[in-house]
Amino acid sequence: MDQKELELALDARHLNDRMSGIIVHPTSFPSPHGIGDLGQGARDFIDFLKDTGQHLWQVLPLGPTGFGDSPYQSLSAFAGQTYIISPEDLKREGLLTDQDFEGEPAWDPRKVDYGQVIAFKVRLLKKAYAHFLEIEAHSPSEKTAEPSISERFQAFAKEQADWLDDFALFSALKDHFQGRCWLDWDADLREGKSAAKKEYAQKLHQEIRYYKFTQFLFQEQWMALRLYAAERDVAIIGDIPIFMAIDNCDVWADRKLFKLDSKGYPTEVAGVPPDYFSATGQLWGNPLYDWAWHEKTGYDWWIRRLQRQLELVDYVRIDHFRGFVNYWAVPADAETAIEGVWKEGPGEKLFLAMQKKFGKNLPIIAEDLGVITEDVEALRDQFRFPGMKVLQFGFENMKDTKYIPHHYDTPNCVCYTGTHDNDTTVGWYQNQSEEVKDRIRLMGNCDGQGVSLDFIRFAMSSIARFAIFPIQDLLQLGSDARMNTPGVAAANWAFRYEQRDIDEAWRRDWLRRYTKVYDRL
């Protein structure tokens, strides 16, 4: 795909200030291979957005996942999730054959079984790499008008080397050490000594090249999909988790960025104090940043991180924005997050450095949910980052008016019916008191039978610049379709829908009608 084509398509868009759209992660798309991917199901979804007048598609983090399958516990801040590479598109490109799919399991079209999916997708990707090696070995030496797949791969590996080399080595080493965390590797590798890295880079040459190749496949498919969206006036909102998992390439490759002891173990870990989601807070366990070191480098890692994301998406939601002002630091040996204390973050210095690189208008959305202090709001407003308004919070706590649409004091915000961490609106409504239900019915002039659609109307009618809702709310699904339950380790991130769900004519007509009524077309 020509990068200039993408840039022209992005420049040609004339997006209104008032827009609406849908949250759905690629893993949730319809696909014949056990997990949503970047193939036809994704293109059909983008066509659905265009047909219904939506201009926004919000995703969860796009990085490779580790234990627990959470997009918020990625193995890299820069790499892509290779499990969402489309096998059908690889087959069309000649990298897979029908025989490669023999023995494929029977999949549940509404739920991802990560154990089976990962084993199957890895098998397919290794076959694709084997076919690539055959193509590469027999490709003509003379150059053609269009670059060959081998030439495109080489160009990608060179352009992305600043993160790709470390990630590919890290991934190959994890395989070599049977998936163990890098803290359990041999001492010289754990400490990142150059001689040990060089030795294993030679020993694991083909394995390293395989991981570079699969990142290349992700890049090609994602950028083609991004162009497809841009040509249909659909902007993509990405998601950056503020923290890294401990078993993460960036933590291993550049330990100075994090607060670690001499052996690489965190001295403090991230979390949040008791809040809406948990009475004991949330103990995330992520290593915390050494912000003093980041400042010495001019926040280079963060700038490169944002630059990488803006190659992939149009806007970036930064999760846990308040952590840039002050963050909850929990002793590494604590059993719950209650034992933490607040510490000062980088504040405006980080975003001033970003402005110097990217310009004044940073395309950032601040996740400012939970207990937000005045200094957090001041930082958000200083850089004119839109904050988040979640309707469920407003109706559940009638004294907290900031989430109720008729109390919004600025259009520079994003109104959500709910997020990936909330119950679906249907499931949430069923668990509310009669007092809350009565208020919803009165405000919406409705009977509560189609409450998730009523919430979409509430969001659309608000003054918020963006109105966004999970696809589960448009499909009127209950709690069994929830994407994530914070604090619960199992059975998350597995939701899928079927194509017939969004093909219902009445649903398309309803969405387009109300998008027009509330001037978001």
Protein backbone atom coordinates (compact mmCIF):
# COMPACT_ATOMS: atom_id res chain seq x y z
CA MET A 1 0.00 0.00 0.00
CA ASP A 2 1.23 3.48 -0.91
CA GLN A 3 1.69 5.66 2.18
CA LYS A 4 1.02 8.74 0.02
CA GLU A 5 -2.43 7.34 -0.84
CA LEU A 6 -3.24 7.18 2.86
CA GLU A 7 -1.98 10.70 3.50
CA LEU A 8 -4.04 12.09 0.61
CA ALA A 9 -7.15 10.29 1.83
CA LEU A 10 -6.66 11.64 5.34
CA ASP A 11 -6.05 15.18 4.07
CA ALA A 12 -9.16 15.00 1.89
CA ARG A 13 -11.53 14.29 4.77
CA HIS A 14 -13.79 17.09 5.94
CA LEU A 15 -14.97 15.77 9.27
CA ASN A 16 -17.58 17.73 11.19
CA ASP A 17 -17.02 18.74 14.77
CA ARG A 18 -20.08 16.72 15.81
CA MET A 19 -19.37 13.09 15.08
CA SER A 20 -20.45 9.72 16.39
CA GLY A 21 -19.11 6.22 16.22
CA ILE A 22 -18.71 2.78 17.69
CA ILE A 23 -16.27 0.99 20.01
CA VAL A 24 -15.43 -2.48 18.75
CA HIS A 25 -12.08 -4.21 18.93
CA PRO A 26 -10.93 -6.15 15.84
CA THR A 27 -11.05 -9.40 17.83
CA SER A 28 -14.85 -9.00 17.95
CA PHE A 29 -15.41 -8.89 14.18
CA PRO A 30 -17.07 -11.75 12.31
CA SER A 31 -14.49 -14.13 10.87
CA PRO A 32 -14.45 -17.82 9.93
CA HIS A 33 -11.29 -18.44 11.95
CA GLY A 34 -12.16 -18.14 15.64
CA ILE A 35 -11.27 -14.50 16.24
CA GLY A 36 -12.08 -11.24 14.52
CA ASP A 37 -9.39 -10.07 12.13
CA LEU A 38 -8.43 -7.35 9.65
CA GLY A 39 -10.13 -8.99 6.69
CA GLN A 40 -13.63 -8.90 5.23
CA GLY A 41 -15.41 -8.62 8.59
CA ALA A 42 -13.46 -5.44 9.33
CA ARG A 43 -14.21 -3.98 5.90
CA ASP A 44 -17.90 -4.83 6.29
CA PHE A 45 -17.93 -3.01 9.63
CA ILE A 46 -16.37 0.10 8.09
CA ASP A 47 -18.97 -0.04 5.32
CA PHE A 48 -21.63 -0.24 8.04
CA LEU A 49 -20.19 2.90 9.65
CA LYS A 50 -20.29 4.76 6.34
CA ASP A 51 -23.83 3.59 5.54
CA THR A 52 -25.13 4.73 8.93
CA GLY A 53 -23.33 8.09 8.97
CA GLN A 54 -20.74 7.21 11.60
CA HIS A 55 -17.31 8.85 11.35
CA LEU A 56 -15.51 7.24 14.30
CA TRP A 57 -14.24 3.75 15.02
CA GLN A 58 -12.65 3.27 18.43
CA VAL A 59 -10.45 0.26 19.17
CA LEU A 60 -8.70 -1.07 22.25
CA PRO A 61 -4.87 -1.23 22.28
CA LEU A 62 -3.55 -3.00 19.18
CA GLY A 63 -0.42 -4.55 20.71
CA PRO A 64 0.42 -8.24 21.14
CA THR A 65 -1.10 -9.72 24.27
CA GLY A 66 0.42 -12.01 26.84
CA PHE A 67 -1.00 -13.96 29.78
CA GLY A 68 -4.69 -13.19 30.31
CA ASP A 69 -5.20 -11.94 26.73
CA SER A 70 -5.70 -8.35 27.88
CA PRO A 71 -4.95 -5.62 25.32
CA TYR A 72 -3.92 -3.50 28.30
CA GLN A 73 -1.11 -5.91 29.25
CA SER A 74 0.84 -5.91 26.01
CA LEU A 75 4.22 -7.44 25.22
CA SER A 76 5.25 -4.25 23.40
CA ALA A 77 4.36 -0.56 23.19
CA PHE A 78 5.11 -0.57 19.45
CA ALA A 79 4.29 -3.98 17.93
CA GLY A 80 0.95 -5.12 16.52
CA GLN A 81 -1.34 -8.01 17.46
CA THR A 82 -0.58 -10.74 14.93
CA TYR A 83 -3.55 -12.91 15.97
CA ILE A 84 -5.81 -10.48 14.07
CA ILE A 85 -3.98 -10.93 10.77
CA SER A 86 -6.56 -12.17 8.25
CA PRO A 87 -5.81 -15.70 6.98
CA GLU A 88 -8.21 -15.17 4.07
CA ASP A 89 -6.25 -12.12 2.91
CA LEU A 90 -2.99 -14.09 3.25
CA LYS A 91 -4.49 -16.82 1.10
CA ARG A 92 -5.42 -14.28 -1.58
CA GLU A 93 -1.81 -13.04 -1.53
CA GLY A 94 -0.47 -16.55 -2.07
CA LEU A 95 0.98 -16.93 1.42
CA LEU A 96 -1.47 -19.67 2.46
CA THR A 97 -3.19 -22.51 0.62
CA ASP A 98 -6.42 -24.41 1.29
CA GLN A 99 -4.34 -27.33 2.59
CA ASP A 100 -2.90 -25.11 5.32
CA PHE A 101 -6.35 -24.90 6.94
CA GLU A 102 -6.84 -28.66 7.30
CA GLY A 103 -7.76 -29.69 10.80
CA GLU A 104 -9.12 -26.26 11.72
CA PRO A 105 -11.32 -26.43 14.86
CA ALA A 106 -15.03 -25.65 14.82
CA TRP A 107 -15.32 -22.14 16.25
CA ASP A 108 -17.94 -20.40 18.39
CA PRO A 109 -18.98 -17.39 16.27
CA ARG A 110 -19.77 -15.35 19.40
CA LYS A 111 -16.80 -16.06 21.63
CA VAL A 112 -13.03 -16.22 21.27
CA ASP A 113 -11.40 -19.36 22.66
CA TYR A 114 -7.91 -17.89 22.99
CA GLY A 115 -6.18 -21.17 23.74
CA GLN A 116 -7.29 -22.82 20.51
CA VAL A 117 -7.13 -19.62 18.48
CA ILE A 118 -3.53 -18.83 19.39
CA ALA A 119 -2.34 -22.36 18.56
CA PHE A 120 -4.17 -22.28 15.22
CA LYS A 121 -3.07 -18.77 14.25
CA VAL A 122 0.58 -19.45 15.11
CA ARG A 123 0.46 -22.58 12.94
CA LEU A 124 -0.96 -20.57 10.03
CA LEU A 125 1.53 -17.74 10.42
CA LYS A 126 4.44 -20.18 10.42
CA LYS A 127 3.10 -21.74 7.24
CA ALA A 128 2.78 -18.26 5.73
CA TYR A 129 6.40 -17.57 6.60
CA ALA A 130 7.48 -20.87 5.01
CA HIS A 131 5.62 -19.93 1.82
CA PHE A 132 7.25 -16.50 1.92
CA LEU A 133 10.70 -18.09 2.10
CA GLU A 134 9.84 -20.13 -1.00
CA ILE A 135 8.61 -17.03 -2.83
CA GLU A 136 11.72 -15.14 -1.76
CA ALA A 137 14.04 -17.91 -2.94
CA HIS A 138 12.46 -18.03 -6.40
CA SER A 139 11.80 -14.34 -6.94
CA PRO A 140 13.56 -12.77 -9.97
CA SER A 141 16.58 -10.63 -9.22
CA GLU A 142 15.57 -7.74 -11.48
CA LYS A 143 13.34 -5.00 -10.07
CA THR A 144 9.75 -4.58 -11.24
CA ALA A 145 7.45 -1.56 -11.32
CA GLU A 146 5.71 -2.68 -8.12
CA PRO A 147 7.94 -3.71 -5.20
CA SER A 148 7.84 -7.42 -4.44
CA ILE A 149 6.71 -8.74 -1.09
CA SER A 150 10.36 -9.38 -0.24
CA GLU A 151 11.27 -5.77 -1.02
CA ARG A 152 8.30 -4.48 0.98
CA PHE A 153 9.33 -6.64 3.94
CA GLN A 154 12.92 -5.40 3.80
CA ALA A 155 11.76 -1.77 3.65
CA PHE A 156 9.45 -2.30 6.65
CA ALA A 157 12.20 -3.98 8.70
CA LYS A 158 14.54 -1.06 8.01
CA GLU A 159 11.96 1.67 8.69
CA GLN A 160 10.80 0.16 12.00
CA ALA A 161 14.16 -1.17 13.21
CA ASP A 162 14.28 1.09 16.29
CA TRP A 163 11.63 -1.07 18.00
CA LEU A 164 11.33 -4.09 15.70
CA ASP A 165 14.83 -5.49 16.28
CA ASP A 166 14.38 -5.64 20.04
CA PHE A 167 10.83 -6.98 19.80
CA ALA A 168 11.72 -9.78 17.39
CA LEU A 169 14.68 -10.85 19.54
CA PHE A 170 12.54 -10.65 22.69
CA SER A 171 9.81 -12.79 21.09
CA ALA A 172 12.28 -15.38 19.82
CA LEU A 173 13.90 -15.56 23.26
CA LYS A 174 10.52 -16.08 24.93
CA ASP A 175 9.96 -19.07 22.66
CA HIS A 176 13.47 -20.34 23.37
CA PHE A 177 12.79 -20.18 27.13
CA GLN A 178 9.37 -21.87 26.80
CA GLY A 179 7.37 -18.67 27.24
CA ARG A 180 8.90 -17.73 30.58
CA CYS A 181 9.03 -14.10 31.70
CA TRP A 182 12.37 -12.44 30.87
CA LEU A 183 13.10 -12.22 34.59
CA ASP A 184 13.55 -16.01 34.50
CA TRP A 185 15.99 -16.07 31.56
CA ASP A 186 19.74 -16.61 31.82
CA ALA A 187 21.41 -13.81 33.77
CA ASP A 188 23.30 -12.28 30.83
CA LEU A 189 20.14 -12.09 28.75
CA ARG A 190 18.03 -10.90 31.66
CA GLU A 191 20.45 -8.03 32.11
CA GLY A 192 20.49 -7.33 28.37
CA LYS A 193 24.25 -7.71 27.92
CA SER A 194 25.22 -6.99 24.33
CA ALA A 195 27.41 -10.09 23.91
CA ALA A 196 24.59 -12.39 24.99
CA LYS A 197 22.08 -10.60 22.74
CA LYS A 198 24.46 -10.87 19.78
CA GLU A 199 25.04 -14.57 20.41
CA TYR A 200 21.33 -15.37 20.50
CA ALA A 201 20.59 -13.09 17.55
CA GLN A 202 22.83 -15.36 15.47
CA LYS A 203 21.52 -18.57 17.03
CA LEU A 204 17.86 -17.61 16.56
CA HIS A 205 18.21 -15.81 13.23
CA GLN A 206 15.27 -17.48 11.46
CA GLU A 207 13.01 -17.23 14.49
CA ILE A 208 13.78 -13.52 14.77
CA ARG A 209 13.08 -13.02 11.07
CA TYR A 210 9.77 -14.84 11.47
CA TYR A 211 8.66 -12.36 14.11
CA LYS A 212 9.71 -9.44 11.93
CA PHE A 213 7.75 -10.96 9.08
CA THR A 214 4.55 -11.36 11.10
CA GLN A 215 4.82 -7.72 12.19
CA PHE A 216 5.17 -6.82 8.52
CA LEU A 217 1.97 -8.73 7.76
CA PHE A 218 0.14 -6.89 10.54
CA GLN A 219 1.43 -3.56 9.25
CA GLU A 220 0.38 -4.20 5.65
CA GLN A 221 -3.10 -5.40 6.56
CA TRP A 222 -3.70 -2.67 9.14
CA MET A 223 -2.53 0.16 6.90
CA ALA A 224 -4.68 -1.15 4.04
CA LEU A 225 -7.65 -1.17 6.43
CA ARG A 226 -6.82 2.31 7.64
CA LEU A 227 -6.81 3.57 4.06
CA TYR A 228 -10.15 1.79 3.48
CA ALA A 229 -11.58 3.64 6.49
CA ALA A 230 -10.10 7.00 5.48
CA GLU A 231 -11.63 6.75 2.01
CA ARG A 232 -15.02 6.34 3.71
CA ASP A 233 -14.57 9.31 6.08
CA VAL A 234 -14.03 7.07 9.10
CA ALA A 235 -11.39 8.15 11.60
CA ILE A 236 -9.86 5.60 13.96
CA ILE A 237 -9.43 6.26 17.68
CA GLY A 238 -6.62 4.18 19.15
CA ASP A 239 -5.83 3.48 22.78
CA ILE A 240 -2.57 3.79 24.70
CA PRO A 241 -2.36 2.08 28.11
CA ILE A 242 -0.33 4.39 30.31
CA PHE A 243 1.67 1.50 31.84
CA MET A 244 3.58 -1.51 30.52
CA ALA A 245 3.31 -5.09 31.74
CA ILE A 246 6.40 -6.42 33.53
CA ASP A 247 6.82 -9.16 30.90
CA ASN A 248 7.24 -6.60 28.15
CA CYS A 249 9.89 -6.01 25.53
CA ASP A 250 10.32 -2.33 26.40
CA VAL A 251 10.90 -3.12 30.09
CA TRP A 252 13.50 -5.74 29.15
CA ALA A 253 15.23 -3.71 26.44
CA ASP A 254 15.43 -0.37 28.29
CA ARG A 255 15.29 -0.92 32.04
CA LYS A 256 16.33 2.67 32.80
CA LEU A 257 12.84 3.80 31.83
CA PHE A 258 11.30 1.98 34.81
CA LYS A 259 11.69 1.76 38.57
CA LEU A 260 13.37 -1.63 38.89
CA ASP A 261 15.88 -3.11 41.30
CA SER A 262 19.32 -4.43 40.27
CA LYS A 263 17.82 -7.77 39.17
CA GLY A 264 15.06 -6.18 37.12
CA TYR A 265 12.17 -6.62 39.54
CA PRO A 266 9.82 -3.65 40.15
CA THR A 267 10.30 -1.77 43.40
CA GLU A 268 6.81 -0.27 43.07
CA VAL A 269 3.85 -1.21 40.90
CA ALA A 270 0.84 0.59 39.48
CA GLY A 271 -2.76 0.51 40.56
CA VAL A 272 -5.59 2.73 41.73
CA PRO A 273 -7.09 3.26 45.16
CA PRO A 274 -10.62 2.06 46.00
CA ASP A 275 -13.07 3.34 43.38
CA TYR A 276 -16.28 2.65 41.46
CA PHE A 277 -14.96 -0.71 40.25
CA SER A 278 -13.36 -2.14 43.42
CA ALA A 279 -13.59 -1.59 47.18
CA THR A 280 -9.92 -2.54 47.62
CA GLY A 281 -8.73 -0.61 44.59
CA GLN A 282 -7.07 -2.25 41.62
CA LEU A 283 -3.59 -3.73 41.88
CA TRP A 284 -2.42 -3.74 38.29
CA GLY A 285 1.15 -4.83 39.00
CA ASN A 286 2.75 -2.83 36.18
CA PRO A 287 6.23 -1.42 36.84
CA LEU A 288 6.23 2.34 37.29
CA TYR A 289 8.21 4.82 35.20
CA ASP A 290 11.35 6.56 36.32
CA TRP A 291 10.06 9.96 35.27
CA ALA A 292 13.32 11.70 36.16
CA TRP A 293 15.12 9.56 33.57
CA HIS A 294 12.41 10.20 30.96
CA GLU A 295 12.84 13.93 31.49
CA LYS A 296 16.61 13.63 30.96
CA THR A 297 15.96 12.00 27.57
CA GLY A 298 13.48 14.69 26.50
CA TYR A 299 10.71 12.08 26.84
CA ASP A 300 12.10 10.37 23.75
CA TRP A 301 10.43 6.99 24.42
CA TRP A 302 7.02 8.58 24.88
CA ILE A 303 7.43 10.68 21.75
CA ARG A 304 8.39 7.60 19.73
CA ARG A 305 5.47 5.74 21.25
CA LEU A 306 2.97 8.41 20.24
CA GLN A 307 4.54 8.71 16.80
CA ARG A 308 4.11 4.98 16.25
CA GLN A 309 0.47 5.11 17.30
CA LEU A 310 -0.23 8.05 15.00
CA GLU A 311 1.09 5.96 12.12
CA LEU A 312 -1.75 3.54 12.89
CA VAL A 313 -4.66 5.73 14.05
CA ASP A 314 -6.05 9.27 13.81
CA TYR A 315 -6.73 9.97 17.49
CA VAL A 316 -5.28 8.39 20.63
CA ARG A 317 -7.16 7.83 23.87
CA ILE A 318 -4.66 7.70 26.74
CA ASP A 319 -5.85 5.35 29.44
CA HIS A 320 -5.54 6.53 33.06
CA PHE A 321 -4.66 10.11 32.15
CA ARG A 322 -4.52 11.19 35.78
CA GLY A 323 -1.31 9.15 36.14
CA PHE A 324 0.56 11.93 34.36
CA VAL A 325 -0.31 14.32 37.21
CA ASN A 326 -0.05 11.89 40.12
CA TYR A 327 -0.05 8.13 40.19
CA TRP A 328 -0.81 5.47 42.79
CA ALA A 329 2.46 3.75 43.72
CA VAL A 330 2.06 0.44 45.53
CA PRO A 331 4.96 -1.45 47.18
CA ALA A 332 5.82 -4.42 44.97
CA ASP A 333 5.13 -6.91 47.79
CA ALA A 334 1.72 -5.47 48.74
CA GLU A 335 -1.32 -7.74 48.59
CA THR A 336 -3.84 -5.04 47.66
CA ALA A 337 -3.76 -1.54 46.20
CA ILE A 338 -4.89 -0.04 49.51
CA GLU A 339 -1.25 0.16 50.64
CA GLY A 340 -0.27 2.61 47.88
CA VAL A 341 0.53 6.32 48.01
CA TRP A 342 0.17 9.17 45.52
CA LYS A 343 3.33 10.34 43.75
CA GLU A 344 3.90 13.18 41.30
CA GLY A 345 3.92 12.52 37.54
CA PRO A 346 5.56 14.51 34.74
CA GLY A 347 2.62 16.88 34.24
CA GLU A 348 2.85 19.47 31.49
CA LYS A 349 6.51 18.76 30.71
CA LEU A 350 5.64 15.57 28.84
CA PHE A 351 2.96 17.17 26.67
CA LEU A 352 5.02 20.26 25.95
CA ALA A 353 7.69 17.91 24.59
CA MET A 354 5.02 16.22 22.47
CA GLN A 355 3.80 19.57 21.16
CA LYS A 356 7.33 20.45 20.14
CA LYS A 357 7.40 17.30 18.03
CA PHE A 358 3.82 17.04 16.72
CA GLY A 359 2.45 20.59 16.86
CA LYS A 360 0.07 22.41 19.16
CA ASN A 361 -3.08 20.39 18.51
CA LEU A 362 -2.28 16.95 19.86
CA PRO A 363 -4.91 14.39 18.74
CA ILE A 364 -5.33 12.99 22.27
CA ILE A 365 -8.42 12.03 24.27
CA ALA A 366 -7.89 11.95 28.03
CA GLU A 367 -9.40 9.08 30.00
CA ASP A 368 -10.34 11.13 33.04
CA LEU A 369 -12.78 8.79 34.79
CA GLY A 370 -12.88 8.03 38.49
CA VAL A 371 -11.79 10.43 41.20
CA ILE A 372 -10.30 13.34 39.26
CA THR A 373 -8.71 16.28 41.04
CA GLU A 374 -8.54 19.89 39.93
CA ASP A 375 -4.90 19.62 38.86
CA VAL A 376 -5.79 16.73 36.52
CA GLU A 377 -8.59 18.79 34.98
CA ALA A 378 -6.20 21.75 34.65
CA LEU A 379 -3.66 19.65 32.74
CA ARG A 380 -6.37 18.23 30.48
CA ASP A 381 -7.77 21.70 29.76
CA GLN A 382 -4.35 23.32 29.31
CA PHE A 383 -3.79 21.15 26.23
CA ARG A 384 -7.48 21.11 25.22
CA PHE A 385 -7.73 17.34 25.43
CA PRO A 386 -11.35 16.13 25.32
CA GLY A 387 -12.32 14.26 28.48
CA MET A 388 -14.75 11.35 28.82
CA LYS A 389 -18.38 11.39 29.96
CA VAL A 390 -19.91 7.97 30.67
CA LEU A 391 -23.70 8.04 30.88
CA GLN A 392 -23.96 5.02 33.16
CA PHE A 393 -22.00 6.85 35.85
CA GLY A 394 -24.34 9.84 35.75
CA PHE A 395 -27.57 7.91 36.08
CA GLU A 396 -26.19 5.56 38.72
CA ASN A 397 -24.96 8.38 40.97
CA MET A 398 -27.59 11.09 40.79
CA LYS A 399 -25.48 13.50 42.83
CA ASP A 400 -22.61 13.43 40.32
CA THR A 401 -24.03 15.68 37.63
CA LYS A 402 -20.90 15.92 35.48
CA TYR A 403 -21.91 12.79 33.57
CA ILE A 404 -25.52 13.89 32.87
CA PRO A 405 -25.82 15.44 29.37
CA HIS A 406 -27.83 18.52 30.31
CA HIS A 407 -25.06 19.49 32.78
CA TYR A 408 -22.17 19.33 30.27
CA ASP A 409 -20.36 22.66 30.29
CA THR A 410 -18.24 22.19 27.16
CA PRO A 411 -18.57 20.43 23.81
CA ASN A 412 -14.88 19.47 24.05
CA CYS A 413 -15.61 16.03 25.45
CA VAL A 414 -16.56 12.52 24.37
CA CYS A 415 -19.90 11.13 25.54
CA TYR A 416 -19.98 7.34 25.93
CA THR A 417 -22.92 5.15 26.81
CA GLY A 418 -20.35 2.85 28.41
CA THR A 419 -16.81 1.61 27.80
CA HIS A 420 -15.08 -1.77 27.50
CA ASP A 421 -14.84 -1.84 31.32
CA ASN A 422 -18.56 -1.27 31.90
CA ASP A 423 -21.38 -3.76 31.75
CA THR A 424 -23.46 -3.45 28.61
CA THR A 425 -26.18 -0.84 29.07
CA VAL A 426 -28.88 -3.52 28.97
CA GLY A 427 -27.10 -5.56 31.65
CA TRP A 428 -26.35 -2.46 33.71
CA TYR A 429 -29.99 -1.27 33.59
CA GLN A 430 -31.31 -4.62 34.77
CA ASN A 431 -29.23 -4.29 37.96
CA GLN A 432 -30.28 -0.73 38.84
CA SER A 433 -32.73 0.39 41.49
CA GLU A 434 -36.27 1.40 40.55
CA GLU A 435 -35.31 4.99 41.37
CA VAL A 436 -32.60 4.97 38.72
CA LYS A 437 -34.84 3.24 36.21
CA ASP A 438 -37.61 5.80 36.80
CA ARG A 439 -35.24 8.68 36.15
CA ILE A 440 -34.08 7.11 32.88
CA ARG A 441 -37.64 6.46 31.74
CA LEU A 442 -38.71 10.00 32.62
CA MET A 443 -35.74 11.71 30.99
CA GLY A 444 -35.94 9.58 27.88
CA ASN A 445 -39.73 9.56 27.61
CA CYS A 446 -39.37 5.81 27.19
CA ASP A 447 -40.41 2.55 28.82
CA GLY A 448 -36.93 1.10 29.35
CA GLN A 449 -37.47 -1.75 26.93
CA GLY A 450 -34.90 -0.38 24.49
CA VAL A 451 -32.69 1.27 27.09
CA SER A 452 -29.40 0.89 25.25
CA LEU A 453 -30.84 2.64 22.19
CA ASP A 454 -32.21 5.35 24.48
CA PHE A 455 -28.70 5.83 25.87
CA ILE A 456 -27.33 6.15 22.34
CA ARG A 457 -29.92 8.88 21.73
CA PHE A 458 -28.87 10.60 24.98
CA ALA A 459 -25.24 10.57 23.84
CA MET A 460 -26.10 11.74 20.33
CA SER A 461 -28.25 14.61 21.61
CA SER A 462 -25.59 15.93 23.98
CA ILE A 463 -23.36 18.88 23.20
CA ALA A 464 -20.33 16.55 23.28
CA ARG A 465 -18.19 16.79 20.16
CA PHE A 466 -17.96 13.00 19.90
CA ALA A 467 -20.68 10.50 20.86
CA ILE A 468 -19.41 6.92 21.02
CA PHE A 469 -21.03 3.66 22.09
CA PRO A 470 -19.95 0.00 22.26
CA ILE A 471 -21.40 -2.15 19.51
CA GLN A 472 -23.02 -4.26 22.23
CA ASP A 473 -25.31 -1.31 23.03
CA LEU A 474 -26.36 -0.87 19.43
CA LEU A 475 -27.10 -4.61 19.29
CA GLN A 476 -29.02 -4.39 22.62
CA LEU A 477 -27.02 -7.20 24.21
CA GLY A 478 -26.99 -8.20 27.88
CA SER A 479 -24.23 -8.85 30.40
CA ASP A 480 -23.10 -12.05 28.69
CA ALA A 481 -21.72 -9.84 25.90
CA ARG A 482 -19.60 -7.74 28.24
CA MET A 483 -16.02 -7.19 27.01
CA ASN A 484 -14.23 -6.89 30.36
CA THR A 485 -14.97 -7.05 34.08
CA PRO A 486 -12.21 -5.19 35.99
CA GLY A 487 -10.68 -7.22 38.79
CA VAL A 488 -11.80 -10.53 37.26
CA ALA A 489 -8.95 -12.41 35.62
CA ALA A 490 -10.83 -14.93 33.46
CA ALA A 491 -13.41 -14.90 30.63
CA ASN A 492 -12.64 -11.38 29.40
CA TRP A 493 -11.95 -9.94 25.92
CA ALA A 494 -13.82 -12.80 24.23
CA PHE A 495 -16.95 -11.09 22.84
CA ARG A 496 -17.78 -11.49 19.15
CA TYR A 497 -20.78 -10.54 17.02
CA GLU A 498 -22.05 -12.04 13.78
CA GLN A 499 -22.50 -10.23 10.47
CA ARG A 500 -26.26 -10.78 10.55
CA ASP A 501 -26.41 -8.64 13.69
CA ILE A 502 -25.42 -5.47 11.83
CA ASP A 503 -27.16 -6.46 8.60
CA GLU A 504 -30.61 -5.92 10.12
CA ALA A 505 -32.15 -3.16 8.01
CA TRP A 506 -34.16 -1.59 10.83
CA ARG A 507 -31.04 -1.19 12.97
CA ARG A 508 -29.13 0.54 10.18
CA ASP A 509 -32.10 2.81 9.46
CA TRP A 510 -32.54 3.64 13.14
CA LEU A 511 -28.88 4.58 13.61
CA ARG A 512 -28.70 6.73 10.51
CA ARG A 513 -31.99 8.46 11.33
CA TYR A 514 -30.90 9.52 14.82
CA THR A 515 -27.42 10.42 13.64
CA LYS A 516 -29.10 12.84 11.24
CA VAL A 517 -31.62 14.11 13.82
CA TYR A 518 -28.80 15.09 16.16
CA ASP A 519 -26.67 16.66 13.43
CA ARG A 520 -23.81 14.16 13.46
CA LEU A 521 -23.91 13.18 9.79
